[in-house]
PDB file of N, CA and C in Angstrom:
ATOM      1  N   UNK A   1     120.786  95.480 118.880  1.00  0.00           N
ATOM      2  CA  UNK A   1     119.286  94.933 118.866  1.00  0.00           C
ATOM      3  C   UNK A   1     118.372  96.124 118.460  1.00  0.00           C
ATOM      4  N   UNK A   2     117.425  95.622 117.215  1.00  0.00           N
ATOM      5  CA  UNK A   2     116.508  96.624 116.964  1.00  0.00           C
ATOM      6  C   UNK A   2     115.336  96.681 118.054  1.00  0.00           C
ATOM      7  N   UNK A   3     114.773  97.859 118.427  1.00  0.00           N
ATOM      8  CA  UNK A   3     113.611  98.013 119.154  1.00  0.00           C
ATOM      9  C   UNK A   3     112.569  98.689 118.156  1.00  0.00           C
ATOM     10  N   UNK A   4     111.246  98.167 118.662  1.00  0.00           N
ATOM     11  CA  UNK A   4     110.164  98.675 117.705  1.00  0.00           C
ATOM     12  C   UNK A   4     110.375 100.152 117.486  1.00  0.00           C
ATOM     13  N   UNK A   5     110.681 101.042 118.096  1.00  0.00           N
ATOM     14  CA  UNK A   5     111.062 102.223 118.241  1.00  0.00           C
ATOM     15  C   UNK A   5     112.218 102.651 117.186  1.00  0.00           C
ATOM     16  N   UNK A   6     112.993 101.653 117.082  1.00  0.00           N
ATOM     17  CA  UNK A   6     114.197 102.021 116.027  1.00  0.00           C
ATOM     18  C   UNK A   6     114.149 101.222 114.869  1.00  0.00           C
ATOM     19  N   UNK A   7     113.643 100.186 114.767  1.00  0.00           N
ATOM     20  CA  UNK A   7     113.332  99.157 113.493  1.00  0.00           C
ATOM     21  C   UNK A   7     112.845  99.771 112.628  1.00  0.00           C
ATOM     22  N   UNK A   8     113.554 100.047 111.179  1.00  0.00           N
ATOM     23  CA  UNK A   8     112.807 100.797 110.152  1.00  0.00           C
ATOM     24  C   UNK A   8     111.759  99.912 109.421  1.00  0.00           C
ATOM     25  N   UNK A   9     111.953  98.572 109.614  1.00  0.00           N
ATOM     26  CA  UNK A   9     110.624  97.965 109.086  1.00  0.00           C
ATOM     27  C   UNK A   9     109.666  97.671 110.049  1.00  0.00           C
ATOM     28  N   UNK A  10     109.580  98.141 111.228  1.00  0.00           N
ATOM     29  CA  UNK A  10     108.668  97.937 112.078  1.00  0.00           C
ATOM     30  C   UNK A  10     107.220  98.388 111.410  1.00  0.00           C
ATOM     31  N   UNK A  11     106.116  97.821 111.695  1.00  0.00           N
ATOM     32  CA  UNK A  11     104.783  98.002 111.204  1.00  0.00           C
ATOM     33  C   UNK A  11     104.028  98.790 112.273  1.00  0.00           C
ATOM     34  N   UNK A  12     103.669  99.949 112.289  1.00  0.00           N
ATOM     35  CA  UNK A  12     103.215 101.083 113.011  1.00  0.00           C
ATOM     36  C   UNK A  12     101.576 101.014 112.888  1.00  0.00           C
ATOM     37  N   UNK A  13     100.898 100.988 113.921  1.00  0.00           N
ATOM     38  CA  UNK A  13      99.515 101.081 113.763  1.00  0.00           C
ATOM     39  C   UNK A  13      99.191 102.720 113.614  1.00  0.00           C
ATOM     40  N   UNK A  14      97.862 102.811 112.981  1.00  0.00           N
ATOM     41  CA  UNK A  14      97.671 104.068 112.465  1.00  0.00           C
ATOM     42  C   UNK A  14      98.026 105.229 113.516  1.00  0.00           C
ATOM     43  N   UNK A  15      97.585 105.017 114.706  1.00  0.00           N
ATOM     44  CA  UNK A  15      97.676 106.033 115.845  1.00  0.00           C
ATOM     45  C   UNK A  15      99.161 106.616 115.711  1.00  0.00           C
ATOM     46  N   UNK A  16     100.068 105.695 115.778  1.00  0.00           N
ATOM     47  CA  UNK A  16     101.631 105.895 116.007  1.00  0.00           C
ATOM     48  C   UNK A  16     102.087 106.488 114.629  1.00  0.00           C
ATOM     49  N   UNK A  17     101.526 105.939 113.563  1.00  0.00           N
ATOM     50  CA  UNK A  17     102.215 106.599 112.267  1.00  0.00           C
ATOM     51  C   UNK A  17     101.529 107.999 112.360  1.00  0.00           C
ATOM     52  N   UNK A  18     100.325 108.371 112.656  1.00  0.00           N
ATOM     53  CA  UNK A  18      99.799 109.947 112.504  1.00  0.00           C
ATOM     54  C   UNK A  18     100.780 110.628 113.721  1.00  0.00           C
ATOM     55  N   UNK A  19     101.059 110.135 114.751  1.00  0.00           N
ATOM     56  CA  UNK A  19     101.816 110.857 115.571  1.00  0.00           C
ATOM     57  C   UNK A  19     103.239 111.221 115.071  1.00  0.00           C
ATOM     58  N   UNK A  20     103.933 109.957 114.458  1.00  0.00           N
ATOM     59  CA  UNK A  20     105.044 110.524 113.584  1.00  0.00           C
ATOM     60  C   UNK A  20     105.035 111.542 112.752  1.00  0.00           C
ATOM     61  N   UNK A  21     104.078 111.429 111.966  1.00  0.00           N
ATOM     62  CA  UNK A  21     103.847 112.484 110.929  1.00  0.00           C
ATOM     63  C   UNK A  21     103.301 113.820 111.507  1.00  0.00           C
ATOM     64  N   UNK A  22     102.874 113.713 112.865  1.00  0.00           N
ATOM     65  CA  UNK A  22     102.151 115.040 113.339  1.00  0.00           C
ATOM     66  C   UNK A  22     101.006 115.520 112.791  1.00  0.00           C
ATOM     67  N   UNK A  23     100.071 114.364 112.266  1.00  0.00           N
ATOM     68  CA  UNK A  23      98.842 114.639 111.778  1.00  0.00           C
ATOM     69  C   UNK A  23      97.737 113.833 112.552  1.00  0.00           C
ATOM     70  N   UNK A  24      96.451 113.908 112.043  1.00  0.00           N
ATOM     71  CA  UNK A  24      95.496 113.094 112.705  1.00  0.00           C
ATOM     72  C   UNK A  24      95.219 112.018 112.237  1.00  0.00           C
ATOM     73  N   UNK A  25      94.553 110.930 112.714  1.00  0.00           N
ATOM     74  CA  UNK A  25      94.212 109.597 112.271  1.00  0.00           C
ATOM     75  C   UNK A  25      93.431 109.878 110.921  1.00  0.00           C
ATOM     76  N   UNK A  26      92.549 111.008 111.173  1.00  0.00           N
ATOM     77  CA  UNK A  26      91.420 111.362 110.221  1.00  0.00           C
ATOM     78  C   UNK A  26      92.233 111.718 108.958  1.00  0.00           C
ATOM     79  N   UNK A  27      93.385 112.355 109.030  1.00  0.00           N
ATOM     80  CA  UNK A  27      94.019 112.869 108.019  1.00  0.00           C
ATOM     81  C   UNK A  27      94.711 111.743 107.220  1.00  0.00           C
ATOM     82  N   UNK A  28      95.149 110.794 107.800  1.00  0.00           N
ATOM     83  CA  UNK A  28      95.618 109.521 107.246  1.00  0.00           C
ATOM     84  C   UNK A  28      94.765 108.764 106.666  1.00  0.00           C
ATOM     85  N   UNK A  29      93.458 108.644 107.143  1.00  0.00           N
ATOM     86  CA  UNK A  29      92.188 108.015 106.508  1.00  0.00           C
ATOM     87  C   UNK A  29      91.845 108.913 105.138  1.00  0.00           C
ATOM     88  N   UNK A  30      91.908 110.010 105.344  1.00  0.00           N
ATOM     89  CA  UNK A  30      91.256 110.911 103.959  1.00  0.00           C
ATOM     90  C   UNK A  30      92.373 110.674 102.953  1.00  0.00           C
ATOM     91  N   UNK A  31      93.725 110.877 103.341  1.00  0.00           N
ATOM     92  CA  UNK A  31      94.526 110.516 102.429  1.00  0.00           C
ATOM     93  C   UNK A  31      94.671 109.297 101.762  1.00  0.00           C
ATOM     94  N   UNK A  32      94.272 108.103 102.733  1.00  0.00           N
ATOM     95  CA  UNK A  32      94.063 106.888 101.829  1.00  0.00           C
ATOM     96  C   UNK A  32      92.972 106.766 100.889  1.00  0.00           C
ATOM     97  N   UNK A  33      91.910 107.538 101.186  1.00  0.00           N
ATOM     98  CA  UNK A  33      90.745 107.628 100.427  1.00  0.00           C
ATOM     99  C   UNK A  33      91.007 108.347  98.980  1.00  0.00           C
ATOM    100  N   UNK A  34      91.699 109.226  99.041  1.00  0.00           N
ATOM    101  CA  UNK A  34      92.287 109.900  97.835  1.00  0.00           C
ATOM    102  C   UNK A  34      93.382 109.527  97.278  1.00  0.00           C
ATOM    103  N   UNK A  35      93.743 108.173  97.638  1.00  0.00           N
ATOM    104  CA  UNK A  35      95.100 107.562  96.989  1.00  0.00           C
ATOM    105  C   UNK A  35      96.481 108.690  97.145  1.00  0.00           C
ATOM    106  N   UNK A  36      96.686 109.338  98.314  1.00  0.00           N
ATOM    107  CA  UNK A  36      97.648 110.184  98.474  1.00  0.00           C
ATOM    108  C   UNK A  36      97.949 109.499  99.703  1.00  0.00           C
ATOM    109  N   UNK A  37      99.493 110.210 100.064  1.00  0.00           N
ATOM    110  CA  UNK A  37      99.898 109.748 101.426  1.00  0.00           C
ATOM    111  C   UNK A  37     101.027 108.917 101.366  1.00  0.00           C
ATOM    112  N   UNK A  38     101.539 108.315 102.521  1.00  0.00           N
ATOM    113  CA  UNK A  38     102.502 107.502 102.654  1.00  0.00           C
ATOM    114  C   UNK A  38     101.960 105.885 102.186  1.00  0.00           C
ATOM    115  N   UNK A  39     102.919 105.059 101.672  1.00  0.00           N
ATOM    116  CA  UNK A  39     102.253 103.638 101.510  1.00  0.00           C
ATOM    117  C   UNK A  39     101.998 102.991 102.809  1.00  0.00           C
ATOM    118  N   UNK A  40     100.894 102.235 102.852  1.00  0.00           N
ATOM    119  CA  UNK A  40     100.449 101.366 103.810  1.00  0.00           C
ATOM    120  C   UNK A  40     100.265  99.974 103.588  1.00  0.00           C
ATOM    121  N   UNK A  41     100.294  99.328 104.551  1.00  0.00           N
ATOM    122  CA  UNK A  41      99.965  97.646 104.623  1.00  0.00           C
ATOM    123  C   UNK A  41      98.708  97.694 105.200  1.00  0.00           C
ATOM    124  N   UNK A  42      97.924  96.722 104.304  1.00  0.00           N
ATOM    125  CA  UNK A  42      96.544  96.292 104.760  1.00  0.00           C
ATOM    126  C   UNK A  42      96.652  94.901 105.341  1.00  0.00           C
ATOM    127  N   UNK A  43      96.391  94.846 106.572  1.00  0.00           N
ATOM    128  CA  UNK A  43      96.362  93.478 107.136  1.00  0.00           C
ATOM    129  C   UNK A  43      95.012  92.961 107.566  1.00  0.00           C
ATOM    130  N   UNK A  44      94.286  92.310 106.916  1.00  0.00           N
ATOM    131  CA  UNK A  44      92.724  91.964 107.253  1.00  0.00           C
ATOM    132  C   UNK A  44      92.091  93.367 106.929  1.00  0.00           C
ATOM    133  N   UNK A  45      91.313  93.977 107.913  1.00  0.00           N
ATOM    134  CA  UNK A  45      90.640  95.060 108.245  1.00  0.00           C
ATOM    135  C   UNK A  45      91.638  95.980 108.818  1.00  0.00           C
ATOM    136  N   UNK A  46      92.742  95.619 109.257  1.00  0.00           N
ATOM    137  CA  UNK A  46      93.638  96.820 109.629  1.00  0.00           C
ATOM    138  C   UNK A  46      94.595  97.385 108.861  1.00  0.00           C
ATOM    139  N   UNK A  47      95.246  98.515 109.463  1.00  0.00           N
ATOM    140  CA  UNK A  47      95.998  99.273 108.342  1.00  0.00           C
ATOM    141  C   UNK A  47      97.492  99.457 109.253  1.00  0.00           C
ATOM    142  N   UNK A  48      98.509  99.187 108.801  1.00  0.00           N
ATOM    143  CA  UNK A  48      99.867  99.324 109.412  1.00  0.00           C
ATOM    144  C   UNK A  48     100.586 100.264 108.215  1.00  0.00           C
ATOM    145  N   UNK A  49     101.603 101.105 108.752  1.00  0.00           N
ATOM    146  CA  UNK A  49     102.725 101.835 108.051  1.00  0.00           C
ATOM    147  C   UNK A  49     103.868 101.316 108.412  1.00  0.00           C
ATOM    148  N   UNK A  50     104.826 101.008 107.644  1.00  0.00           N
ATOM    149  CA  UNK A  50     106.099 100.889 108.036  1.00  0.00           C
ATOM    150  C   UNK A  50     107.091 102.112 108.031  1.00  0.00           C
ATOM    151  N   UNK A  51     107.654 101.998 109.217  1.00  0.00           N
ATOM    152  CA  UNK A  51     108.233 103.189 109.679  1.00  0.00           C
ATOM    153  C   UNK A  51     109.271 103.763 108.497  1.00  0.00           C
ATOM    154  N   UNK A  52     110.072 102.988 108.005  1.00  0.00           N
ATOM    155  CA  UNK A  52     111.008 103.441 106.776  1.00  0.00           C
ATOM    156  C   UNK A  52     110.083 103.934 105.573  1.00  0.00           C
ATOM    157  N   UNK A  53     108.869 103.579 105.476  1.00  0.00           N
ATOM    158  CA  UNK A  53     107.856 104.064 104.286  1.00  0.00           C
ATOM    159  C   UNK A  53     107.424 105.396 104.714  1.00  0.00           C
ATOM    160  N   UNK A  54     107.150 105.551 105.931  1.00  0.00           N
ATOM    161  CA  UNK A  54     106.814 107.005 106.445  1.00  0.00           C
ATOM    162  C   UNK A  54     107.820 108.226 106.273  1.00  0.00           C
ATOM    163  N   UNK A  55     109.269 107.854 106.705  1.00  0.00           N
ATOM    164  CA  UNK A  55     110.218 108.591 106.568  1.00  0.00           C
ATOM    165  C   UNK A  55     110.604 108.955 105.157  1.00  0.00           C
ATOM    166  N   UNK A  56     110.487 107.692 104.342  1.00  0.00           N
ATOM    167  CA  UNK A  56     110.845 108.172 102.898  1.00  0.00           C
ATOM    168  C   UNK A  56     109.821 108.819 102.087  1.00  0.00           C
ATOM    169  N   UNK A  57     108.725 108.812 102.517  1.00  0.00           N
ATOM    170  CA  UNK A  57     107.534 109.594 102.105  1.00  0.00           C
ATOM    171  C   UNK A  57     107.616 111.206 102.484  1.00  0.00           C
ATOM    172  N   UNK A  58     107.897 111.193 103.925  1.00  0.00           N
ATOM    173  CA  UNK A  58     108.161 112.776 104.205  1.00  0.00           C
ATOM    174  C   UNK A  58     109.330 113.276 103.296  1.00  0.00           C
ATOM    175  N   UNK A  59     110.255 112.776 103.168  1.00  0.00           N
ATOM    176  CA  UNK A  59     111.626 113.246 102.390  1.00  0.00           C
ATOM    177  C   UNK A  59     111.085 113.598 100.865  1.00  0.00           C
ATOM    178  N   UNK A  60     110.171 113.077 100.277  1.00  0.00           N
ATOM    179  CA  UNK A  60     109.722 113.129  98.987  1.00  0.00           C
ATOM    180  C   UNK A  60     108.748 114.508  99.010  1.00  0.00           C
ATOM    181  N   UNK A  61     108.401 114.951 100.182  1.00  0.00           N
ATOM    182  CA  UNK A  61     107.251 115.984 100.373  1.00  0.00           C
ATOM    183  C   UNK A  61     107.777 117.267 100.469  1.00  0.00           C
ATOM    184  N   UNK A  62     109.173 117.312 100.506  1.00  0.00           N
ATOM    185  CA  UNK A  62     109.986 118.675 100.774  1.00  0.00           C
ATOM    186  C   UNK A  62     109.824 119.748  99.306  1.00  0.00           C
ATOM    187  N   UNK A  63     109.228 120.926  99.796  1.00  0.00           N
ATOM    188  CA  UNK A  63     109.054 121.720  98.875  1.00  0.00           C
ATOM    189  C   UNK A  63     109.913 123.275  98.868  1.00  0.00           C
ATOM    190  N   UNK A  64     109.987 124.049  97.776  1.00  0.00           N
ATOM    191  CA  UNK A  64     110.596 125.176  98.007  1.00  0.00           C
ATOM    192  C   UNK A  64     111.912 125.171  97.935  1.00  0.00           C
ATOM    193  N   UNK A  65     112.545 126.295  98.277  1.00  0.00           N
ATOM    194  CA  UNK A  65     113.986 126.585  98.162  1.00  0.00           C
ATOM    195  C   UNK A  65     114.772 125.594  98.991  1.00  0.00           C
ATOM    196  N   UNK A  66     114.188 125.071 100.036  1.00  0.00           N
ATOM    197  CA  UNK A  66     114.741 124.103 100.638  1.00  0.00           C
ATOM    198  C   UNK A  66     115.064 122.533  99.914  1.00  0.00           C
ATOM    199  N   UNK A  67     114.165 122.412  99.122  1.00  0.00           N
ATOM    200  CA  UNK A  67     114.166 121.345  98.350  1.00  0.00           C
ATOM    201  C   UNK A  67     115.297 121.271  97.125  1.00  0.00           C
ATOM    202  N   UNK A  68     115.703 122.274  96.832  1.00  0.00           N
ATOM    203  CA  UNK A  68     117.097 122.563  95.975  1.00  0.00           C
ATOM    204  C   UNK A  68     118.160 122.503  96.579  1.00  0.00           C
ATOM    205  N   UNK A  69     118.274 122.597  97.989  1.00  0.00           N
ATOM    206  CA  UNK A  69     119.439 122.790  98.744  1.00  0.00           C
ATOM    207  C   UNK A  69     120.002 121.230  99.022  1.00  0.00           C
TER     208      UNK A  69
END
């Protein structure tokens, strides 16, 4: 059974997404304004992040020597 902590399609609130990425909520907000950062879902006035989207986005951010390995 998938729990919210392990479900890849779980929608995370901004605070939990920021914690997963080790950034502040202000950073996530700034990224959205700049059309940068992980994909997000807008539900009314709320913003949610799918856990799988966050992890996929992080994987695309690898730079330097480790990126080619």
